[in-house]
Each structure stands twice: as C-alpha cells, then as structure tokens.
Protein backbone atom coordinates (compact mmCIF):
# COMPACT_ATOMS: atom_id res chain seq x y z
CA MET A 1 144.37 -78.89 -136.80
CA ASN A 2 144.25 -81.26 -133.81
CA ILE A 3 144.45 -79.54 -130.42
CA VAL A 4 144.22 -81.02 -126.93
CA ILE A 5 142.66 -78.92 -124.15
CA ALA A 6 143.82 -79.89 -120.65
CA ALA A 7 141.82 -78.48 -117.73
CA GLY A 8 139.95 -79.75 -114.72
CA GLY A 9 139.12 -79.43 -111.06
CA THR A 10 137.44 -76.09 -110.46
CA GLY A 11 135.44 -73.68 -112.57
CA GLY A 12 138.40 -71.30 -112.41
CA HIS A 13 140.27 -73.65 -114.75
CA ILE A 14 137.38 -75.12 -116.69
CA PHE A 15 135.55 -72.02 -117.89
CA PRO A 16 138.62 -70.20 -119.29
CA ALA A 17 139.51 -73.41 -121.12
CA LEU A 18 136.01 -73.73 -122.54
CA SER A 19 136.05 -70.11 -123.71
CA VAL A 20 139.28 -70.66 -125.65
CA ALA A 21 138.11 -74.02 -127.01
CA LEU A 22 134.97 -72.43 -128.45
CA GLU A 23 136.97 -69.53 -129.88
CA LEU A 24 139.40 -71.93 -131.54
CA GLY A 25 136.39 -73.52 -133.23
CA LYS A 26 135.29 -70.12 -134.54
CA GLN A 27 138.72 -69.23 -135.90
CA CYS A 28 139.70 -72.59 -137.41
CA ASP A 29 137.41 -74.21 -139.99
CA ASP A 30 139.08 -77.62 -139.83
CA LEU A 31 139.59 -78.22 -136.11
CA SER A 32 139.53 -81.36 -133.99
CA LEU A 33 139.42 -80.80 -130.23
CA LEU A 34 140.02 -83.31 -127.44
CA TRP A 35 139.47 -82.25 -123.84
CA ILE A 36 141.40 -84.08 -121.13
CA GLY A 37 139.89 -83.56 -117.69
CA THR A 38 138.72 -85.16 -114.48
CA SER A 39 135.55 -86.89 -113.36
CA ARG A 40 135.24 -84.62 -110.31
CA ASN A 41 133.63 -81.60 -111.90
CA ARG A 42 131.52 -80.46 -114.85
CA GLU A 43 133.93 -81.08 -117.71
CA LYS A 44 131.98 -84.01 -119.13
CA GLU A 45 128.66 -82.15 -119.06
CA LEU A 46 130.13 -79.03 -120.67
CA CYS A 47 131.95 -81.03 -123.35
CA GLU A 48 128.80 -82.94 -124.28
CA LYS A 49 126.85 -79.69 -124.48
CA ASN A 50 129.46 -78.16 -126.83
CA ASN A 51 130.22 -81.30 -128.89
CA ILE A 52 133.81 -81.64 -127.66
CA SER A 53 135.33 -85.10 -127.25
CA ILE A 54 136.62 -85.78 -123.73
CA THR A 55 139.03 -88.20 -122.10
CA ILE A 56 138.91 -88.60 -118.31
CA LEU A 57 142.07 -89.04 -116.24
CA ASP A 58 141.90 -90.35 -112.69
CA VAL A 59 144.47 -88.15 -110.96
CA ARG A 60 144.60 -86.18 -107.75
CA GLY A 61 146.62 -83.30 -106.34
CA ILE A 62 149.96 -84.12 -104.70
CA LYS A 63 150.30 -82.66 -101.22
CA ARG A 64 153.58 -80.93 -100.40
CA LYS A 65 154.40 -83.31 -97.54
CA LEU A 66 154.90 -87.06 -97.74
CA SER A 67 151.79 -89.05 -96.85
CA PHE A 68 149.83 -92.07 -98.02
CA SER A 69 147.61 -89.85 -100.17
CA SER A 70 150.75 -88.34 -101.75
CA LEU A 71 151.98 -91.80 -102.66
CA LEU A 72 148.59 -92.58 -104.24
CA ALA A 73 148.76 -89.32 -106.18
CA ILE A 74 152.23 -90.20 -107.48
CA ARG A 75 150.96 -93.62 -108.53
CA ASP A 76 148.03 -92.02 -110.34
CA PHE A 77 150.34 -89.53 -112.06
CA ILE A 78 152.60 -92.30 -113.36
CA GLY A 79 149.61 -94.23 -114.72
CA ALA A 80 148.12 -91.11 -116.33
CA PHE A 81 151.46 -90.10 -117.86
CA SER A 82 151.89 -93.59 -119.35
CA ARG A 83 148.39 -93.43 -120.82
CA MET A 84 148.94 -89.94 -122.31
CA ASN A 85 152.35 -90.91 -123.66
CA SER A 86 150.87 -93.88 -125.47
CA MET A 87 147.97 -91.80 -126.80
CA PHE A 88 150.24 -89.06 -128.15
CA ARG A 89 152.50 -91.57 -129.88
CA LYS A 90 149.55 -93.14 -131.68
CA ASN A 91 147.63 -89.93 -132.45
CA ARG A 92 150.00 -87.00 -132.25
CA PRO A 93 148.14 -83.69 -131.73
CA ASP A 94 149.40 -80.43 -133.19
CA ALA A 95 149.41 -78.80 -129.76
CA VAL A 96 148.27 -78.93 -126.15
CA ALA A 97 146.66 -75.92 -124.42
CA ALA A 98 146.70 -76.32 -120.63
CA PHE A 99 144.71 -74.21 -118.19
CA GLY A 100 145.98 -75.31 -114.80
CA GLY A 101 145.13 -77.90 -112.20
CA TYR A 102 146.74 -81.23 -111.42
CA VAL A 103 145.16 -82.99 -114.41
CA CYS A 104 147.45 -80.93 -116.66
CA ALA A 105 150.67 -82.39 -115.22
CA PRO A 106 150.63 -85.83 -116.92
CA VAL A 107 149.33 -84.29 -120.16
CA LEU A 108 152.11 -81.70 -120.28
CA ALA A 109 154.73 -84.28 -119.27
CA ALA A 110 153.67 -86.49 -122.19
CA ALA A 111 153.62 -83.49 -124.55
CA ARG A 112 157.16 -82.57 -123.54
CA GLN A 113 158.29 -86.20 -123.87
CA ASN A 114 156.92 -86.33 -127.42
CA LYS A 115 158.09 -82.81 -128.39
CA ILE A 116 154.51 -81.61 -128.92
CA PRO A 117 154.13 -77.81 -128.70
CA TYR A 118 152.17 -76.69 -125.68
CA PHE A 119 150.69 -73.45 -124.38
CA LEU A 120 149.84 -72.46 -120.82
CA GLN A 121 147.21 -70.12 -119.40
CA GLU A 122 147.71 -68.82 -115.87
CA GLN A 123 144.67 -67.18 -114.31
CA ASN A 124 146.16 -65.93 -111.04
CA SER A 125 148.69 -63.36 -109.91
CA VAL A 126 150.72 -66.16 -108.31
CA PRO A 127 151.39 -68.96 -110.82
CA GLY A 128 150.39 -72.50 -109.92
CA LEU A 129 152.89 -75.31 -109.39
CA VAL A 130 152.13 -77.15 -112.64
CA ASN A 131 152.60 -74.01 -114.73
CA ARG A 132 155.83 -73.19 -112.89
CA ILE A 133 157.22 -76.63 -113.66
CA PHE A 134 156.36 -76.64 -117.36
CA SER A 135 156.67 -72.96 -118.35
CA SER A 136 160.28 -73.10 -119.53
CA LYS A 137 159.42 -75.23 -122.59
CA ALA A 138 156.03 -73.66 -123.35
CA GLU A 139 155.48 -71.92 -126.67
CA SER A 140 153.76 -69.13 -124.71
CA SER A 141 152.26 -68.59 -121.28
CA PHE A 142 149.16 -66.38 -121.36
CA LEU A 143 148.69 -64.44 -118.12
CA GLY A 144 145.47 -63.21 -116.56
CA TYR A 145 147.28 -60.69 -114.34
CA PRO A 146 150.85 -59.42 -113.91
CA LEU A 147 152.65 -61.95 -111.71
CA SER A 148 153.23 -61.08 -108.04
CA GLY A 149 155.32 -62.58 -105.29
CA LYS A 150 158.40 -64.78 -105.47
CA TYR A 151 157.20 -67.21 -108.15
CA LYS A 152 157.63 -66.42 -111.83
CA LEU A 153 157.18 -68.30 -115.07
CA LYS A 154 160.08 -68.95 -117.40
CA GLY A 155 159.93 -68.57 -121.16
CA LYS A 156 157.67 -66.30 -123.17
CA CYS A 157 154.86 -64.70 -121.14
CA GLU A 158 152.21 -62.26 -122.32
CA ILE A 159 149.34 -60.66 -120.42
CA THR A 160 146.07 -61.35 -122.23
CA GLY A 161 143.57 -61.42 -119.38
CA THR A 162 141.78 -64.57 -118.27
CA PRO A 163 139.30 -65.85 -120.88
CA ILE A 164 135.63 -65.57 -120.02
CA ARG A 165 132.39 -66.45 -121.75
CA THR A 166 130.93 -63.46 -123.55
CA VAL A 167 127.22 -63.01 -124.29
CA GLU A 168 125.00 -60.66 -126.25
CA ASN A 169 121.98 -61.53 -124.11
CA SER A 170 120.56 -58.71 -121.95
CA PHE A 171 118.64 -61.30 -119.86
CA ASP A 172 115.43 -59.26 -120.17
CA THR A 173 113.42 -62.46 -120.63
CA PHE A 174 115.23 -64.45 -117.92
CA GLU A 175 112.89 -65.83 -115.25
CA TYR A 176 114.16 -64.43 -111.98
CA PRO A 177 112.68 -65.68 -108.68
CA GLN A 178 109.18 -64.63 -107.82
CA HIS A 179 109.05 -61.15 -106.22
CA PHE A 180 112.59 -60.27 -107.35
CA ASP A 181 112.65 -56.56 -108.26
CA LYS A 182 115.17 -55.59 -110.97
CA THR A 183 114.77 -51.91 -110.10
CA LYS A 184 116.08 -52.29 -106.53
CA VAL A 185 119.69 -51.88 -105.39
CA THR A 186 120.96 -55.46 -105.29
CA VAL A 187 123.98 -57.01 -103.60
CA PHE A 188 125.14 -60.39 -104.93
CA ILE A 189 127.22 -62.65 -102.67
CA CYS A 190 128.99 -65.55 -104.38
CA GLY A 191 131.76 -67.71 -103.02
CA GLY A 192 132.79 -69.38 -106.26
CA SER A 193 131.67 -72.71 -107.69
CA GLN A 194 131.78 -74.44 -104.26
CA GLY A 195 130.38 -71.64 -102.11
CA ALA A 196 132.40 -70.26 -99.15
CA ALA A 197 131.17 -71.37 -95.74
CA SER A 198 133.62 -69.39 -93.60
CA MET A 199 133.02 -66.20 -95.61
CA ASN A 200 129.27 -66.70 -95.32
CA GLU A 201 129.49 -66.76 -91.52
CA CYS A 202 131.16 -63.32 -91.52
CA LEU A 203 128.48 -61.85 -93.74
CA ILE A 204 125.28 -62.88 -91.94
CA PRO A 205 125.21 -59.96 -89.42
CA PRO A 206 125.99 -57.10 -91.86
CA MET A 207 123.65 -58.45 -94.54
CA LYS A 208 120.78 -58.69 -92.07
CA LYS A 209 121.23 -54.98 -91.44
CA MET A 210 121.37 -54.22 -95.16
CA VAL A 211 118.25 -56.16 -96.13
CA SER A 212 116.32 -54.75 -93.18
CA LYS A 213 117.00 -51.29 -94.66
CA GLY A 214 115.66 -52.33 -98.07
CA THR A 215 118.71 -53.56 -99.99
CA GLN A 216 117.87 -56.59 -102.14
CA LEU A 217 120.09 -59.62 -101.63
CA LEU A 218 121.14 -62.48 -103.90
CA TRP A 219 123.27 -65.11 -102.17
CA GLN A 220 124.85 -68.24 -103.61
CA THR A 221 125.85 -70.10 -100.44
CA GLY A 222 127.18 -73.49 -101.46
CA SER A 223 125.77 -76.65 -99.91
CA PHE A 224 127.33 -76.38 -96.44
CA SER A 225 125.78 -73.02 -95.49
CA TYR A 226 122.55 -73.17 -97.44
CA LYS A 227 120.05 -74.33 -94.80
CA LYS A 228 121.46 -72.04 -92.12
CA ILE A 229 121.32 -68.92 -94.29
CA VAL A 230 117.83 -69.73 -95.59
CA LYS A 231 116.69 -69.93 -91.97
CA GLN A 232 118.49 -66.71 -90.98
CA PHE A 233 116.88 -64.72 -93.82
CA SER A 234 113.48 -66.41 -94.00
CA GLU A 235 111.63 -63.31 -92.74
CA TYR A 236 113.04 -61.05 -95.46
CA THR A 237 111.11 -61.03 -98.74
CA ASN A 238 113.91 -59.08 -100.42
CA SER A 239 116.48 -61.86 -99.95
CA PHE A 240 116.95 -64.69 -102.46
CA ILE A 241 119.13 -67.58 -101.33
CA PHE A 242 120.52 -70.27 -103.66
CA GLU A 243 122.57 -73.34 -102.86
CA THR A 244 124.16 -73.27 -106.32
CA ILE A 245 123.67 -71.23 -109.48
CA ASP A 246 124.49 -72.91 -112.78
CA ASP A 247 124.84 -69.64 -114.66
CA MET A 248 125.92 -66.54 -112.73
CA TYR A 249 125.55 -64.18 -115.68
CA PRO A 250 121.81 -63.35 -115.32
CA TYR A 251 122.46 -62.48 -111.68
CA TYR A 252 125.51 -60.34 -112.39
CA ALA A 253 123.35 -58.50 -114.94
CA VAL A 254 120.86 -57.31 -112.27
CA SER A 255 123.35 -56.68 -109.45
CA ASN A 256 124.95 -53.45 -108.33
CA ILE A 257 127.75 -54.77 -106.11
CA VAL A 258 129.31 -58.21 -105.75
CA ILE A 259 130.81 -59.61 -102.55
CA CYS A 260 133.06 -62.52 -103.42
CA ARG A 261 136.24 -64.48 -102.96
CA SER A 262 139.01 -63.42 -105.33
CA GLY A 263 139.45 -66.34 -107.68
CA ALA A 264 140.58 -65.07 -111.07
CA SER A 265 137.61 -66.26 -113.12
CA THR A 266 135.07 -64.74 -110.74
CA LEU A 267 136.87 -61.39 -110.78
CA ASN A 268 137.11 -61.34 -114.55
CA GLU A 269 133.41 -62.12 -114.97
CA ILE A 270 132.57 -59.32 -112.55
CA ALA A 271 134.75 -56.90 -114.53
CA TYR A 272 132.96 -57.93 -117.73
CA PHE A 273 129.68 -56.73 -116.18
CA GLY A 274 131.25 -53.52 -114.88
CA LEU A 275 130.53 -54.30 -111.24
CA PRO A 276 132.39 -52.89 -108.24
CA CYS A 277 133.27 -55.66 -105.83
CA ILE A 278 134.19 -56.31 -102.22
CA MET A 279 136.67 -59.15 -102.09
CA ILE A 280 137.25 -61.48 -99.13
CA PRO A 281 140.25 -63.58 -100.27
CA LEU A 282 140.32 -67.24 -99.25
CA PRO A 283 142.86 -67.19 -96.39
CA TRP A 284 144.29 -70.65 -97.16
CA ALA A 285 144.48 -70.36 -100.96
CA ALA A 286 147.69 -71.86 -102.37
CA GLU A 287 150.60 -69.39 -102.12
CA ASN A 288 148.04 -66.80 -100.91
CA HIS A 289 147.20 -66.16 -104.57
CA GLN A 290 143.71 -64.82 -103.85
CA TRP A 291 145.15 -62.06 -101.66
CA MET A 292 147.45 -61.11 -104.57
CA ASN A 293 144.58 -61.20 -107.08
CA ALA A 294 142.57 -58.91 -104.82
CA ALA A 295 145.52 -56.54 -104.50
CA HIS A 296 145.67 -56.21 -108.29
CA VAL A 297 141.95 -55.43 -108.51
CA GLN A 298 142.12 -52.94 -105.63
CA ASN A 299 145.10 -51.17 -107.22
CA ALA A 300 143.17 -51.00 -110.50
CA GLY A 301 140.40 -49.18 -108.64
CA TRP A 302 137.32 -51.33 -109.03
CA GLY A 303 137.38 -53.51 -105.93
CA ILE A 304 138.09 -53.29 -102.20
CA ARG A 305 139.87 -56.06 -100.31
CA VAL A 306 138.67 -57.08 -96.84
CA ALA A 307 140.53 -59.67 -94.79
CA GLN A 308 138.60 -62.62 -93.38
CA ASP A 309 139.18 -61.98 -89.69
CA LYS A 310 137.13 -60.97 -86.64
CA ASN A 311 136.52 -57.54 -88.18
CA CYS A 312 135.45 -58.88 -91.56
CA GLY A 313 131.71 -58.27 -91.18
CA ALA A 314 132.20 -54.71 -89.93
CA GLY A 315 134.64 -53.98 -92.77
CA VAL A 316 132.19 -55.24 -95.38
CA GLU A 317 129.33 -53.23 -93.87
CA LYS A 318 131.38 -50.01 -93.85
CA THR A 319 132.53 -50.53 -97.44
CA LEU A 320 129.03 -51.34 -98.70
CA ASN A 321 127.59 -48.23 -97.08
CA SER A 322 130.34 -46.08 -98.61
CA LEU A 323 129.72 -47.45 -102.08
CA LEU A 324 125.95 -47.07 -101.90
CA ALA A 325 126.09 -43.57 -100.40
CA ASP A 326 128.46 -42.02 -102.98
CA LYS A 327 127.14 -42.20 -106.54
CA LYS A 328 130.28 -40.71 -108.13
CA TYR A 329 132.52 -43.13 -106.21
CA TYR A 330 130.37 -46.06 -107.33
CA GLU A 331 130.25 -44.94 -110.98
CA ASN A 332 134.02 -44.43 -111.07
CA MET A 333 134.60 -47.98 -109.79
CA SER A 334 132.13 -49.33 -112.33
CA ARG A 335 133.98 -47.61 -115.20
CA LYS A 336 137.28 -49.00 -113.99
CA ALA A 337 135.78 -52.49 -113.83
CA LEU A 338 134.76 -52.20 -117.49
CA ASP A 339 138.23 -50.85 -118.35
CA ASN A 340 139.67 -54.09 -116.94
CA SER A 341 137.19 -56.40 -118.66
CA PRO A 342 138.92 -59.36 -120.38
CA GLU A 343 136.18 -59.54 -123.01
CA GLY A 344 138.60 -60.27 -125.88
CA ALA A 345 141.00 -62.57 -124.02
CA ALA A 346 139.70 -65.87 -125.44
CA ALA A 347 139.86 -64.57 -129.03
CA VAL A 348 143.39 -63.21 -128.54
CA ILE A 349 144.67 -66.48 -127.05
CA ALA A 350 143.04 -68.60 -129.76
CA GLU A 351 144.48 -66.36 -132.46
CA LYS A 352 147.99 -66.50 -130.99
CA ILE A 353 147.88 -70.30 -130.67
CA LEU A 354 146.75 -70.76 -134.27
CA GLU A 355 149.26 -68.23 -135.61
CA GLN A 356 152.18 -69.92 -133.85
CA LEU A 357 151.11 -73.38 -135.01
CA GLN A 358 150.66 -72.18 -138.59
CA SER A 359 154.12 -70.62 -138.57
CA LYS A 360 155.58 -73.95 -137.45
CA ARG A 361 153.86 -75.70 -140.35
CA ASN A 362 155.24 -73.18 -142.80
C-alpha cells in the first residue's frame, strides 16, 4: 500500500498528519509512506525521526486580494502542480491523505487529475479553503468538530475528532526546571507553536497577581514576547518562562488549567489530558474559526471563552479565580474534557482509509 501524506505550515496540520501516518504504519504491514510538505516548519525533522520519506514543495498561501505576492503564489502553485502531476503519473500512489494548509492544494489537484483516491481531515469548526475546494470528490472528509458557520464540506463527512499523539508515559522521570514543584497548583499559558504576542500582553497583569498569591506559572511565550515576560516575572521563583517548548505533553501532565488560543490541535491535546481551559481565540484567524472552535468547547462544558479586548485580562483573572475556588466546578470541567478526548481519532481514521482502499482493490 502506497499512501501520500500532504500536510505543512503549522503544527495544527502537521501533528494530526503525523499521528495518522504512524497509525497507518501500525495497521498495515506492507506500507510505503511519502510525506509532501513545506520547508517552513518541522516536517523534515519529524519525518527523519520517524523514518518517513519526504518531498518538499515550495508553495505559499494565496491572499484573497490581487497583489504581487498573490501572483507569485499562483506561479508557485502551477509549478508544484506540474511536479506532482508528473510524479503521480510515474509512481501512482494508492491514495492521498491531506490535512490542510496551502501545500495540500497542488497535491490534491494532481490526485484529482490522475483519479487517485484522496481523503481529507479538517481540524476546525470552520473548514479551510483548500478542503472546501476539494471535498466534493474526496472519498471521505474526517472532521475534528461539527462544522459551524456558512461554510460546509461536500461529499461524505464523518466526525472522528482531530488526531493527536497518544502516550503511555506518566512523565515521572521527566526533568522539569529546577525548583518546579509538581504538587503546586499550576497554570500553563501556551499560544500555539508560534506563541501569541498580543494574547501575552493581556495576560501579564492578571498573572502577576496570581503568582504573587502562590500559583505556579508555566508560560510558553514565543520569540517575540520572551525577553519582556522574563523581565516582568524575574522576581517570582514560582514562574517558569520558555520561548518555545518542543514537547508540550510533560507540561500538560503537571498543569491544572491551560490558558490558550483555540487552535484545534491545542484544544484536542488539552482534552486528552483532562484539563479545563480558558480560551482567548485569535481575533484575526481565517473565517474566525478559532472563535467557533472555542464555542464548541465552551458548549461541551470544559472550557471558557474570553475575547481578546480591553477587558481580556480582567475576564481571565475572574475565570481563573472561579475555577480555582470551586473544586466541584473544576472537577466537572475536567471530566468533560476527558469525555471529549480524541484519543482514538488517529486509529479510527487510519482504519477507515485502509478499509476503503481495500474495498476498492476487491
């Protein structure tokens, strides 16, 4: 079985794709995988680590209005499509599994041109442009959440949850920073793989109050805010500031509450660890999809959405105090987070892909 994985750009696309790729390897004894991604993120490193072949495409996102950069993006798409079309004619894969992002567009266009079956995975409540364009001919579209808003996907859709990496490790032997106390109430702030500078600004005043009262703080800032936040919290020995964190899981494992954006992969990882969350959706996310993701989590009962506005810091502080003061409220949210864990999503998607391809062969 020869399967192409198409994913790139952000961790929100890459890590679900990797989870399914690894699960396909578990479920299929005779499997050949090829990852098609970009040079702008960690795809190459992750593929090398997991012995997956990778092909890099030089493409970029196309802006919705005409500009010089849009013309360059169109040029890059045409070149990438031609390259993929030639590759698929010479070495026809059994299927393509695409996980979103602009790198998927030329791969899916070539798959459609060559009548190669393809599958889509949509992480967000509002489907992305590439998935909307190609959904009508997909074998299946696997959804992380029920779709919200005006945009829908055509063809067969099924809600599986967004794939995440699962672990059996309790992280008992993990080397946390010096003086970190695993017995203390800990708040973990993470803005996604790139950090979140504007969110960080809102959180400095309320978090100073929290740490001064004894709450332990973990904060992944991203590069832009790192030096400022280190300086702001330098006097507090119960605050631990990181520019980036390669693996969030050990830090989720020792946290009590997460404050975050509302990208789908982050939310699903948090649910896996049974953590209540306070979500500050990225205000300029495409089609406002983070606001919709956060609405789904809030309605499910394990997260609270706070708008990024002038009252953001006060809203976060009030919500944090409510969660920490009411044990039953906190425990109920934690149970609901676990109820919404997508722990089996990768296995389900891999199984459905292999079943559908085997039925075509038969």
